[in-house]
Amino acid sequence: MSIGDKVALFRHDCKQRAANPKDGAEKSVCTQTQIGTGEVLRTIDEHYSIIKVAPGVEFKEGTVVEKL
């Protein structure tokens, strides 16, 4: 990522399905929902950047950030 790049922020919404009657295994179904946007202010290294998120966007552990 580079300074000024626009990013999208996502959360994963997961729901537990009922156990499979044959083997008793439980499964989760997850969907990715966009919760907002932001902009890269500074890059730290190839894995980390500091971003500014749009007002009202809740950024917390588990939030996924992808370059637009």
N, C-alpha and C. Protein backbone atom coordinates (compact mmCIF):
# COMPACT_ATOMS: atom_id res chain seq x y z
N MET A 1 0.84 -1.16 0.00
CA MET A 1 0.00 0.00 0.00
C MET A 1 0.89 1.24 0.00
N SER A 2 0.34 2.30 -0.53
CA SER A 2 1.06 3.56 -0.61
C SER A 2 0.22 4.67 0.03
N ILE A 3 0.89 5.72 0.46
CA ILE A 3 0.20 6.86 1.05
C ILE A 3 -0.84 7.38 0.05
N GLY A 4 -2.05 7.60 0.55
CA GLY A 4 -3.14 8.09 -0.29
C GLY A 4 -4.03 7.01 -0.88
N ASP A 5 -3.60 5.74 -0.81
CA ASP A 5 -4.45 4.65 -1.33
C ASP A 5 -5.77 4.61 -0.57
N LYS A 6 -6.84 4.34 -1.28
CA LYS A 6 -8.16 4.17 -0.67
C LYS A 6 -8.32 2.70 -0.30
N VAL A 7 -8.97 2.46 0.83
CA VAL A 7 -9.19 1.09 1.31
C VAL A 7 -10.65 0.89 1.68
N ALA A 8 -11.09 -0.34 1.65
CA ALA A 8 -12.42 -0.73 2.09
C ALA A 8 -12.26 -1.57 3.36
N LEU A 9 -13.18 -1.39 4.29
CA LEU A 9 -13.15 -2.14 5.54
C LEU A 9 -14.35 -3.09 5.57
N PHE A 10 -14.08 -4.31 6.01
CA PHE A 10 -15.10 -5.36 6.02
C PHE A 10 -15.14 -6.04 7.38
N ARG A 11 -16.30 -6.60 7.70
CA ARG A 11 -16.42 -7.50 8.86
C ARG A 11 -17.00 -8.81 8.34
N HIS A 12 -16.73 -9.87 9.06
CA HIS A 12 -17.29 -11.17 8.73
C HIS A 12 -18.46 -11.45 9.66
N ASP A 13 -19.60 -11.72 9.06
CA ASP A 13 -20.79 -12.10 9.84
C ASP A 13 -20.97 -13.61 9.68
N CYS A 14 -20.82 -14.32 10.78
CA CYS A 14 -20.90 -15.78 10.73
C CYS A 14 -22.11 -16.28 11.53
N LYS A 15 -22.77 -17.28 10.97
CA LYS A 15 -23.90 -17.92 11.63
C LYS A 15 -23.63 -19.40 11.71
N GLN A 16 -23.92 -19.95 12.86
CA GLN A 16 -23.73 -21.37 13.10
C GLN A 16 -24.92 -22.13 12.51
N ARG A 17 -24.62 -23.14 11.74
CA ARG A 17 -25.68 -24.01 11.22
C ARG A 17 -25.90 -25.15 12.20
N ALA A 18 -27.05 -25.74 12.11
CA ALA A 18 -27.35 -26.90 12.95
C ALA A 18 -26.39 -28.03 12.60
N ALA A 19 -26.16 -28.87 13.57
CA ALA A 19 -25.26 -30.00 13.38
C ALA A 19 -25.80 -30.92 12.30
N ASN A 20 -24.89 -31.49 11.52
CA ASN A 20 -25.24 -32.46 10.49
C ASN A 20 -25.72 -33.74 11.19
N PRO A 21 -26.93 -34.20 10.89
CA PRO A 21 -27.44 -35.39 11.59
C PRO A 21 -26.61 -36.64 11.33
N LYS A 22 -25.91 -36.70 10.20
CA LYS A 22 -25.12 -37.90 9.88
C LYS A 22 -23.85 -38.02 10.71
N ASP A 23 -23.14 -36.89 10.86
CA ASP A 23 -21.86 -36.97 11.57
C ASP A 23 -21.76 -36.03 12.79
N GLY A 24 -22.80 -35.24 13.04
CA GLY A 24 -22.82 -34.35 14.20
C GLY A 24 -21.95 -33.12 14.06
N ALA A 25 -21.31 -32.93 12.90
CA ALA A 25 -20.42 -31.78 12.70
C ALA A 25 -21.23 -30.49 12.55
N GLU A 26 -20.77 -29.45 13.25
CA GLU A 26 -21.39 -28.14 13.13
C GLU A 26 -20.61 -27.33 12.09
N LYS A 27 -21.31 -26.52 11.34
CA LYS A 27 -20.66 -25.71 10.32
C LYS A 27 -21.10 -24.27 10.48
N SER A 28 -20.19 -23.35 10.13
CA SER A 28 -20.50 -21.93 10.14
C SER A 28 -20.57 -21.43 8.71
N VAL A 29 -21.50 -20.53 8.46
CA VAL A 29 -21.61 -19.87 7.16
C VAL A 29 -21.29 -18.41 7.40
N CYS A 30 -20.27 -17.90 6.69
CA CYS A 30 -19.83 -16.53 6.90
C CYS A 30 -19.99 -15.71 5.62
N THR A 31 -20.38 -14.46 5.81
CA THR A 31 -20.45 -13.51 4.70
C THR A 31 -19.59 -12.30 5.07
N GLN A 32 -19.01 -11.69 4.04
CA GLN A 32 -18.18 -10.51 4.24
C GLN A 32 -19.02 -9.28 3.90
N THR A 33 -19.13 -8.34 4.84
CA THR A 33 -19.95 -7.15 4.66
C THR A 33 -19.06 -5.91 4.76
N GLN A 34 -19.14 -5.04 3.74
CA GLN A 34 -18.36 -3.81 3.79
C GLN A 34 -18.98 -2.86 4.80
N ILE A 35 -18.13 -2.32 5.70
CA ILE A 35 -18.63 -1.43 6.75
C ILE A 35 -18.15 0.00 6.57
N GLY A 36 -17.26 0.24 5.61
CA GLY A 36 -16.80 1.60 5.39
C GLY A 36 -15.56 1.67 4.54
N THR A 37 -14.99 2.87 4.50
CA THR A 37 -13.79 3.12 3.69
C THR A 37 -12.78 3.89 4.52
N GLY A 38 -11.59 3.99 3.96
CA GLY A 38 -10.53 4.75 4.63
C GLY A 38 -9.45 5.12 3.64
N GLU A 39 -8.38 5.70 4.17
CA GLU A 39 -7.26 6.14 3.34
C GLU A 39 -5.96 5.88 4.08
N VAL A 40 -4.94 5.43 3.36
CA VAL A 40 -3.64 5.15 3.96
C VAL A 40 -2.93 6.48 4.24
N LEU A 41 -2.52 6.66 5.51
CA LEU A 41 -1.79 7.86 5.91
C LEU A 41 -0.29 7.62 5.90
N ARG A 42 0.12 6.40 6.29
CA ARG A 42 1.54 6.08 6.38
C ARG A 42 1.74 4.58 6.27
N THR A 43 2.79 4.16 5.60
CA THR A 43 3.12 2.75 5.56
C THR A 43 4.25 2.48 6.55
N ILE A 44 4.12 1.39 7.28
CA ILE A 44 5.14 1.01 8.26
C ILE A 44 6.10 0.00 7.65
N ASP A 45 5.55 -1.02 7.03
CA ASP A 45 6.34 -2.02 6.30
C ASP A 45 5.41 -2.69 5.31
N GLU A 46 5.83 -3.80 4.74
CA GLU A 46 5.02 -4.45 3.70
C GLU A 46 3.72 -5.06 4.22
N HIS A 47 3.59 -5.18 5.54
CA HIS A 47 2.39 -5.79 6.12
C HIS A 47 1.50 -4.81 6.88
N TYR A 48 2.04 -3.68 7.30
CA TYR A 48 1.30 -2.77 8.16
C TYR A 48 1.28 -1.34 7.62
N SER A 49 0.13 -0.70 7.78
CA SER A 49 -0.04 0.71 7.41
C SER A 49 -0.92 1.38 8.45
N ILE A 50 -0.81 2.68 8.53
CA ILE A 50 -1.71 3.46 9.38
C ILE A 50 -2.75 4.07 8.45
N ILE A 51 -4.03 3.86 8.80
CA ILE A 51 -5.11 4.36 7.95
C ILE A 51 -6.01 5.29 8.75
N LYS A 52 -6.69 6.15 8.03
CA LYS A 52 -7.72 7.00 8.61
C LYS A 52 -9.05 6.47 8.09
N VAL A 53 -9.95 6.13 9.00
CA VAL A 53 -11.25 5.60 8.56
C VAL A 53 -12.27 6.72 8.50
N ALA A 54 -13.26 6.54 7.67
CA ALA A 54 -14.33 7.53 7.51
C ALA A 54 -15.09 7.68 8.83
N PRO A 55 -15.63 8.85 9.10
CA PRO A 55 -16.39 9.07 10.34
C PRO A 55 -17.52 8.05 10.49
N GLY A 56 -17.68 7.55 11.70
CA GLY A 56 -18.76 6.62 12.00
C GLY A 56 -18.43 5.16 11.75
N VAL A 57 -17.25 4.87 11.21
CA VAL A 57 -16.87 3.48 10.94
C VAL A 57 -16.23 2.90 12.20
N GLU A 58 -16.75 1.76 12.64
CA GLU A 58 -16.23 1.11 13.83
C GLU A 58 -15.12 0.14 13.43
N PHE A 59 -13.88 0.49 13.75
CA PHE A 59 -12.73 -0.37 13.46
C PHE A 59 -12.36 -1.10 14.73
N LYS A 60 -12.39 -2.43 14.66
CA LYS A 60 -12.05 -3.23 15.85
C LYS A 60 -11.33 -4.49 15.42
N GLU A 61 -10.89 -5.27 16.39
CA GLU A 61 -10.18 -6.51 16.09
C GLU A 61 -11.03 -7.37 15.15
N GLY A 62 -10.41 -7.88 14.13
CA GLY A 62 -11.11 -8.73 13.16
C GLY A 62 -11.56 -7.98 11.92
N THR A 63 -11.48 -6.64 11.93
CA THR A 63 -11.84 -5.87 10.74
C THR A 63 -10.84 -6.17 9.63
N VAL A 64 -11.33 -6.45 8.45
CA VAL A 64 -10.49 -6.77 7.30
C VAL A 64 -10.38 -5.50 6.45
N VAL A 65 -9.14 -5.19 6.02
CA VAL A 65 -8.88 -4.01 5.20
C VAL A 65 -8.34 -4.47 3.85
N GLU A 66 -8.97 -3.98 2.77
CA GLU A 66 -8.52 -4.31 1.42
C GLU A 66 -8.36 -3.03 0.61
N LYS A 67 -7.33 -3.01 -0.21
CA LYS A 67 -7.10 -1.86 -1.10
C LYS A 67 -8.19 -1.83 -2.16
N LEU A 68 -8.69 -0.61 -2.44
CA LEU A 68 -9.69 -0.44 -3.50
C LEU A 68 -9.00 -0.30 -4.84
